[in-house]
Amino acid sequence: MITPKPSPRAIVIEDDSSWQQILSEILSDSGLTVDVADNLEDALKLLKAEPHRLALVDLSLESTDHSNEDGLRALEAINRLDPGCESILLTGFATVELAVSVLTEYGAFSFLRKESFNRGQFRELISQALVSAPKSEIDTVETKPVEGKLSFSQNQPSVHNSPRVLVVEDDAGWRSILSELLTDAGLEIRVCGSYGDALGALRRETFSLAVVDLSLTADVVWDDSADSDSLEGYSLLANTHTAGIPTIVVSGVVGVDEIQRAYNEHSVFAYLEKQAFDRNNFRRLVREAIAAGSTLSELDQLTQREREVFDLLAKGMTNKEIAETLVITNNTVKRHLKAVFEKLDVHTRAAALSKARGG
């Protein structure tokens, strides 16, 4: 008699009972066994007791103290005690600086805002996180398609190597429109509704095109008096530009200064105003952008941080020296090098150096 394999475990580290229930329900529906901790001490006990495939962590684990950041201590503990566990930070205290720190220094898989939480999109993110699980564990997880959203198979790397497109849009209606047009064009798509989720995708995956909205906060109405520096989309444009990914902006931000900034500072391929959006024009620009991007070199496909790690590798630095120079952990260096090797289609440091020298 064959004993069934136990389901992979997930841990929810959250002090709010309502959020505990919401997250546990979605994880259970995805085939995961769920542990719950409402404080750092209990979380550490659970992390030591059982291995986990996924951790959902709130930044503040003390409802009366908004400055509490025990969630970051939990991320550190996950890296130390349960390195096979992917972590997602979910918080109501979101800033761009925090998102970058969580993704780079703490190695989180993604970063989500509670105020823009979407169940369907969250299920897709769980699917993405579990893709990196050992095959033996993934086989036990039944990922369920979400009606009206991308299915799990649409987010997996395509065996046909179709161009992959990153769509970054916080409005559900526009996500649906853009997803439909891109899917009909035979493209693989990865949909993100927030800055943190998109930045994580850019650091983990390779894309042939990005379609980005500049304003990623649904409850903020843009007007001419608003501060363009607060638009998170510009930070993403900087990342796609550095990675050499052709980018089309589709946005309700229509100020001349903002449009010129997108072209001049971030070299976007095209800027489309939502108020005058034309489907046929969008399809044409997508084809042209992907064709233009196909001429980029392999090194142009690296993210900004991957390129920094690669450049130091090319100087002959060890992993430890790279970590000290960039002020990141040794494990983070290894993760970036793994991504670099995959994108360059090499398996050794020597082969990577040969690519750097044009060999």
Protein backbone atom coordinates (compact mmCIF):
# COMPACT_ATOMS: atom_id res chain seq x y z
CA MET A 1 0.00 0.00 0.00
CA ILE A 2 1.43 3.35 -1.07
CA THR A 3 1.33 6.02 1.62
CA PRO A 4 0.22 9.40 0.17
CA LYS A 5 2.78 12.17 0.38
CA PRO A 6 1.90 14.90 2.85
CA SER A 7 0.82 18.21 1.37
CA PRO A 8 3.42 21.00 1.35
CA ARG A 9 3.08 23.37 4.27
CA ALA A 10 2.57 27.11 4.30
CA ILE A 11 2.85 29.47 7.24
CA VAL A 12 0.84 32.64 7.79
CA ILE A 13 2.57 35.10 10.14
CA GLU A 14 -0.13 37.69 10.78
CA ASP A 15 -1.59 39.24 13.95
CA ASP A 16 -4.97 40.19 12.47
CA SER A 17 -7.52 37.37 12.74
CA SER A 18 -9.47 38.49 9.65
CA TRP A 19 -6.37 38.37 7.48
CA GLN A 20 -5.38 35.04 9.03
CA GLN A 21 -8.71 33.62 7.87
CA ILE A 22 -8.54 35.09 4.37
CA LEU A 23 -4.99 33.92 3.68
CA SER A 24 -5.45 30.49 5.27
CA GLU A 25 -8.56 29.87 3.19
CA ILE A 26 -6.82 30.68 -0.10
CA LEU A 27 -3.75 28.61 0.78
CA SER A 28 -5.87 25.64 1.83
CA ASP A 29 -7.83 25.85 -1.41
CA SER A 30 -4.48 25.67 -3.23
CA GLY A 31 -3.70 22.31 -1.58
CA LEU A 32 -1.38 23.52 1.17
CA THR A 33 -1.41 22.63 4.85
CA VAL A 34 -1.46 25.92 6.76
CA ASP A 35 0.23 26.89 10.04
CA VAL A 36 -0.67 30.23 11.64
CA ALA A 37 1.35 32.42 14.00
CA ASP A 38 0.30 35.85 15.28
CA ASN A 39 3.67 36.84 16.74
CA LEU A 40 7.37 36.40 16.05
CA GLU A 41 8.00 33.95 18.90
CA ASP A 42 5.32 31.50 17.75
CA ALA A 43 6.47 31.88 14.14
CA LEU A 44 10.01 30.86 15.09
CA LYS A 45 8.69 27.73 16.85
CA LEU A 46 6.70 26.70 13.77
CA LEU A 47 9.62 27.39 11.42
CA LYS A 48 11.86 25.18 13.54
CA ALA A 49 9.27 22.41 13.82
CA GLU A 50 8.38 21.86 10.15
CA PRO A 51 9.73 22.81 6.70
CA HIS A 52 7.49 25.13 4.69
CA ARG A 53 7.19 25.90 0.99
CA LEU A 54 5.53 29.29 1.38
CA ALA A 55 5.34 31.99 4.06
CA LEU A 56 2.98 34.97 4.11
CA VAL A 57 4.31 37.61 6.45
CA ASP A 58 2.79 40.83 7.75
CA LEU A 59 5.29 43.63 8.38
CA SER A 60 3.83 44.74 11.71
CA LEU A 61 2.95 41.99 14.20
CA GLU A 62 1.75 44.38 16.88
CA SER A 63 -1.59 46.07 16.13
CA THR A 64 -1.01 48.90 18.60
CA ASP A 65 2.49 49.73 17.33
CA HIS A 66 2.62 50.82 13.68
CA SER A 67 6.41 51.13 13.89
CA ASN A 68 6.73 47.42 14.67
CA GLU A 69 8.72 45.56 11.99
CA ASP A 70 8.82 42.04 13.42
CA GLY A 71 7.87 40.85 9.94
CA LEU A 72 11.40 41.68 8.77
CA ARG A 73 12.80 39.60 11.65
CA ALA A 74 10.52 36.79 10.49
CA LEU A 75 11.95 37.04 6.95
CA GLU A 76 15.47 36.81 8.38
CA ALA A 77 14.45 33.72 10.35
CA ILE A 78 12.92 32.10 7.26
CA ASN A 79 16.18 32.58 5.34
CA ARG A 80 18.12 31.07 8.23
CA LEU A 81 15.83 28.28 9.43
CA ASP A 82 13.82 27.35 6.32
CA PRO A 83 15.85 28.29 3.20
CA GLY A 84 13.57 26.27 0.91
CA CYS A 85 10.63 28.48 1.82
CA GLU A 86 9.49 31.31 -0.46
CA SER A 87 8.21 34.36 1.41
CA ILE A 88 5.68 37.05 0.49
CA LEU A 89 5.37 40.22 2.57
CA LEU A 90 1.84 41.56 2.82
CA THR A 91 1.49 44.91 4.57
CA GLY A 92 -0.58 48.03 4.97
CA PHE A 93 2.56 50.13 5.44
CA ALA A 94 4.01 50.08 1.93
CA THR A 95 6.76 52.27 0.48
CA VAL A 96 8.97 51.84 -2.56
CA GLU A 97 12.04 51.77 -0.32
CA LEU A 98 10.59 49.00 1.81
CA ALA A 99 9.64 46.96 -1.26
CA VAL A 100 13.18 47.18 -2.65
CA SER A 101 14.68 46.23 0.71
CA VAL A 102 12.34 43.27 1.20
CA LEU A 103 13.06 41.89 -2.27
CA THR A 104 16.81 42.46 -2.33
CA GLU A 105 18.13 42.27 1.21
CA TYR A 106 15.60 39.84 2.66
CA GLY A 107 15.14 37.68 -0.45
CA ALA A 108 11.33 37.79 -0.46
CA PHE A 109 9.50 36.40 -3.48
CA SER A 110 7.08 39.32 -3.65
CA PHE A 111 5.64 42.33 -1.81
CA LEU A 112 1.93 43.13 -1.71
CA ARG A 113 -0.19 45.95 -0.33
CA LYS A 114 -3.17 45.00 1.82
CA GLU A 115 -5.18 47.96 0.55
CA SER A 116 -5.02 46.65 -3.04
CA PHE A 117 -5.29 42.92 -2.22
CA ASN A 118 -7.07 40.87 -4.88
CA ARG A 119 -7.91 37.21 -4.27
CA GLY A 120 -7.60 36.09 -7.88
CA GLN A 121 -4.30 37.87 -8.38
CA PHE A 122 -3.05 36.46 -5.09
CA ARG A 123 -3.85 32.90 -6.21
CA GLU A 124 -1.79 33.51 -9.34
CA LEU A 125 1.12 34.71 -7.20
CA ILE A 126 0.94 31.54 -5.09
CA SER A 127 1.18 29.52 -8.30
CA GLN A 128 4.25 31.49 -9.32
CA ALA A 129 5.91 30.92 -5.96
CA LEU A 130 5.27 27.19 -6.06
CA VAL A 131 6.84 26.86 -9.50
CA SER A 132 10.23 27.03 -7.81
CA ALA A 133 9.38 24.18 -5.43
CA PRO A 134 11.06 20.77 -5.79
CA LYS A 135 9.20 18.66 -8.34
CA SER A 136 8.20 16.10 -5.73
CA GLU A 137 6.36 18.80 -3.79
CA ILE A 138 4.80 20.60 -6.72
CA ASP A 139 3.15 17.35 -7.80
CA THR A 140 1.11 17.35 -4.60
CA VAL A 141 -0.28 20.85 -5.15
CA GLU A 142 -3.37 21.23 -7.26
CA THR A 143 -3.38 24.83 -8.44
CA LYS A 144 -6.88 25.86 -9.41
CA PRO A 145 -7.60 28.23 -12.32
CA VAL A 146 -9.33 31.43 -11.28
CA GLU A 147 -12.32 32.46 -13.34
CA GLY A 148 -11.61 35.55 -15.37
CA LYS A 149 -7.90 35.44 -14.52
CA LEU A 150 -4.74 33.81 -15.77
CA SER A 151 -4.53 30.10 -15.08
CA PHE A 152 -1.47 28.44 -13.58
CA SER A 153 -0.38 27.06 -16.94
CA GLN A 154 -0.42 30.52 -18.49
CA ASN A 155 2.13 31.72 -15.95
CA GLN A 156 4.53 28.83 -16.41
CA PRO A 157 7.40 29.06 -18.88
CA SER A 158 6.09 28.06 -22.26
CA VAL A 159 7.46 24.98 -23.96
CA HIS A 160 7.02 26.85 -27.22
CA ASN A 161 9.19 29.71 -26.02
CA SER A 162 6.58 32.35 -26.82
CA PRO A 163 7.65 35.89 -25.95
CA ARG A 164 6.75 36.71 -22.35
CA VAL A 165 5.14 40.01 -21.43
CA LEU A 166 5.01 41.66 -18.01
CA VAL A 167 1.76 43.58 -17.46
CA VAL A 168 1.79 46.00 -14.51
CA GLU A 169 -1.63 47.51 -13.88
CA ASP A 170 -3.57 48.06 -10.64
CA ASP A 171 -7.00 48.44 -12.28
CA ALA A 172 -8.81 45.11 -12.78
CA GLY A 173 -10.65 46.33 -15.87
CA TRP A 174 -7.49 47.41 -17.63
CA ARG A 175 -5.69 44.22 -16.58
CA SER A 176 -8.44 42.28 -18.31
CA ILE A 177 -8.26 44.36 -21.50
CA LEU A 178 -4.48 44.17 -21.81
CA SER A 179 -4.35 40.48 -20.90
CA GLU A 180 -6.96 39.62 -23.52
CA LEU A 181 -5.15 41.52 -26.29
CA LEU A 182 -1.77 40.01 -25.45
CA THR A 183 -3.09 36.46 -25.03
CA ASP A 184 -4.93 36.70 -28.36
CA ALA A 185 -1.60 37.66 -29.92
CA GLY A 186 -0.14 34.33 -28.74
CA LEU A 187 2.01 35.81 -25.98
CA GLU A 188 2.75 34.47 -22.51
CA ILE A 189 1.79 37.04 -19.88
CA ARG A 190 2.66 37.70 -16.25
CA VAL A 191 0.20 40.08 -14.58
CA CYS A 192 1.14 42.22 -11.57
CA GLY A 193 -1.03 44.72 -9.75
CA SER A 194 1.56 46.45 -7.59
CA TYR A 195 5.09 47.80 -7.64
CA GLY A 196 6.43 45.18 -5.26
CA ASP A 197 4.97 42.25 -7.17
CA ALA A 198 6.29 43.62 -10.47
CA LEU A 199 9.78 44.32 -9.12
CA GLY A 200 9.95 40.78 -7.80
CA ALA A 201 8.92 39.39 -11.19
CA LEU A 202 11.60 41.47 -12.94
CA ARG A 203 14.27 40.11 -10.62
CA ARG A 204 13.20 36.49 -11.06
CA GLU A 205 12.06 36.22 -14.65
CA THR A 206 12.95 37.18 -18.21
CA PHE A 207 10.59 39.21 -20.37
CA SER A 208 10.50 40.29 -24.00
CA LEU A 209 8.18 43.23 -23.29
CA ALA A 210 6.72 45.20 -20.38
CA VAL A 211 3.40 47.06 -20.39
CA VAL A 212 3.33 49.46 -17.44
CA ASP A 213 0.87 51.89 -15.89
CA LEU A 214 2.59 54.85 -14.19
CA SER A 215 0.10 55.25 -11.34
CA LEU A 216 -0.13 52.02 -9.32
CA THR A 217 -2.28 53.23 -6.45
CA ALA A 218 -5.92 52.74 -7.32
CA ASP A 219 -7.31 55.18 -4.76
CA VAL A 220 -5.14 58.09 -5.90
CA VAL A 221 -6.69 60.31 -8.57
CA TRP A 222 -4.07 61.93 -10.77
CA ASP A 223 -4.28 65.61 -11.53
CA ASP A 224 -1.89 68.26 -12.80
CA SER A 225 -0.99 69.34 -9.27
CA ALA A 226 0.17 65.87 -8.21
CA ASP A 227 3.83 65.12 -7.65
CA SER A 228 5.14 62.95 -10.50
CA ASP A 229 7.99 61.72 -8.31
CA SER A 230 5.40 59.74 -6.33
CA LEU A 231 4.45 57.66 -9.36
CA GLU A 232 5.82 54.16 -8.72
CA GLY A 233 5.65 53.33 -12.42
CA TYR A 234 8.74 55.45 -13.03
CA SER A 235 10.76 53.24 -10.69
CA LEU A 236 9.67 50.23 -12.74
CA LEU A 237 10.60 52.01 -15.98
CA ALA A 238 14.10 52.47 -14.58
CA ASN A 239 14.30 48.73 -13.96
CA THR A 240 12.97 47.69 -17.37
CA HIS A 241 15.31 50.17 -19.06
CA THR A 242 18.32 48.79 -17.21
CA ALA A 243 17.25 45.24 -18.05
CA GLY A 244 16.92 46.13 -21.74
CA ILE A 245 13.21 45.26 -21.85
CA PRO A 246 11.20 47.29 -24.40
CA THR A 247 8.41 49.00 -22.48
CA ILE A 248 5.04 50.39 -23.49
CA VAL A 249 3.37 52.75 -21.03
CA VAL A 250 -0.43 52.60 -20.91
CA SER A 251 -1.53 55.23 -18.43
CA GLY A 252 -4.11 57.78 -17.44
CA VAL A 253 -1.29 60.21 -16.62
CA VAL A 254 -1.34 62.56 -19.60
CA GLY A 255 0.79 65.53 -18.57
CA VAL A 256 3.34 66.63 -21.15
CA ASP A 257 6.16 66.69 -18.59
CA GLU A 258 5.40 63.15 -17.44
CA ILE A 259 5.26 61.79 -20.99
CA GLN A 260 8.54 63.49 -21.93
CA ARG A 261 10.16 62.12 -18.77
CA ALA A 262 9.14 58.58 -19.70
CA TYR A 263 10.73 58.94 -23.14
CA ASN A 264 13.80 61.00 -22.19
CA GLU A 265 14.83 59.38 -18.91
CA HIS A 266 13.63 55.82 -19.43
CA SER A 267 13.57 55.40 -23.23
CA VAL A 268 10.13 53.80 -23.32
CA PHE A 269 9.16 52.29 -26.66
CA ALA A 270 5.73 53.95 -26.69
CA TYR A 271 3.40 55.93 -24.44
CA LEU A 272 -0.34 55.33 -24.82
CA GLU A 273 -2.97 57.41 -23.04
CA LYS A 274 -5.86 55.39 -21.64
CA GLN A 275 -8.25 58.15 -22.61
CA ALA A 276 -7.42 57.61 -26.29
CA PHE A 277 -6.52 53.90 -26.22
CA ASP A 278 -6.82 52.13 -29.57
CA ARG A 279 -6.65 48.32 -29.61
CA ASN A 280 -5.26 48.00 -33.14
CA ASN A 281 -2.56 50.56 -32.44
CA PHE A 282 -1.64 48.70 -29.26
CA ARG A 283 -1.36 45.38 -31.13
CA ARG A 284 0.90 46.98 -33.74
CA LEU A 285 3.17 48.55 -31.13
CA VAL A 286 3.45 45.26 -29.25
CA ARG A 287 4.65 43.50 -32.42
CA GLU A 288 7.16 46.25 -33.16
CA ALA A 289 8.46 46.41 -29.59
CA ILE A 290 9.05 42.66 -29.38
CA ALA A 291 10.80 42.69 -32.76
CA ALA A 292 13.04 45.53 -31.59
CA GLY A 293 13.81 43.77 -28.32
CA SER A 294 14.87 40.55 -30.04
CA THR A 295 18.03 42.29 -31.22
CA LEU A 296 19.26 42.90 -27.65
CA SER A 297 22.34 41.04 -26.44
CA GLU A 298 22.12 38.39 -23.72
CA LEU A 299 23.69 40.73 -21.18
CA ASP A 300 20.95 43.27 -21.84
CA GLN A 301 18.46 40.75 -20.41
CA LEU A 302 20.00 40.92 -16.92
CA THR A 303 18.28 42.95 -14.23
CA GLN A 304 20.14 45.88 -12.68
CA ARG A 305 21.22 43.88 -9.63
CA GLU A 306 22.15 40.83 -11.73
CA ARG A 307 24.33 43.04 -13.92
CA GLU A 308 26.04 44.48 -10.83
CA VAL A 309 26.78 40.98 -9.55
CA PHE A 310 27.95 39.87 -13.00
CA ASP A 311 30.27 42.86 -13.40
CA LEU A 312 31.94 42.08 -10.07
CA LEU A 313 32.21 38.42 -11.06
CA ALA A 314 33.95 39.55 -14.25
CA LYS A 315 36.51 41.33 -12.07
CA GLY A 316 37.42 38.02 -10.47
CA MET A 317 35.64 38.57 -7.14
CA THR A 318 34.49 35.65 -5.02
CA ASN A 319 30.89 35.33 -3.85
CA LYS A 320 31.91 36.61 -0.42
CA GLU A 321 33.65 39.66 -1.92
CA ILE A 322 30.64 40.40 -4.11
CA ALA A 323 28.33 40.17 -1.08
CA GLU A 324 30.51 42.57 0.92
CA THR A 325 30.77 45.05 -1.95
CA LEU A 326 27.00 45.16 -2.60
CA VAL A 327 26.09 44.79 1.09
CA ILE A 328 23.93 41.71 0.49
CA THR A 329 24.04 38.16 1.83
CA ASN A 330 26.07 35.34 0.31
CA ASN A 331 22.85 33.44 -0.42
CA THR A 332 21.51 36.46 -2.31
CA VAL A 333 24.68 36.50 -4.44
CA LYS A 334 24.21 32.80 -5.23
CA ARG A 335 20.59 33.41 -6.22
CA HIS A 336 21.55 36.25 -8.56
CA LEU A 337 24.37 34.20 -10.12
CA LYS A 338 21.97 31.31 -10.72
CA ALA A 339 19.65 33.70 -12.57
CA VAL A 340 22.58 35.12 -14.56
CA PHE A 341 23.77 31.66 -15.60
CA GLU A 342 20.26 30.70 -16.72
CA LYS A 343 19.83 33.86 -18.80
CA LEU A 344 23.27 33.50 -20.38
CA ASP A 345 22.70 29.75 -20.91
CA VAL A 346 25.94 28.80 -19.12
CA HIS A 347 26.71 26.50 -16.20
CA THR A 348 30.07 27.66 -14.83
CA ARG A 349 31.77 30.89 -13.78
CA ALA A 350 34.37 30.40 -16.51
CA ALA A 351 31.68 30.15 -19.20
CA ALA A 352 30.00 33.28 -17.86
CA LEU A 353 33.30 35.17 -17.98
CA SER A 354 33.75 34.03 -21.57
CA LYS A 355 30.39 35.61 -22.41
CA ALA A 356 31.53 38.84 -20.77
CA ARG A 357 34.60 38.92 -22.97
CA GLY A 358 32.61 38.22 -26.11
CA GLY A 359 33.82 34.66 -26.36
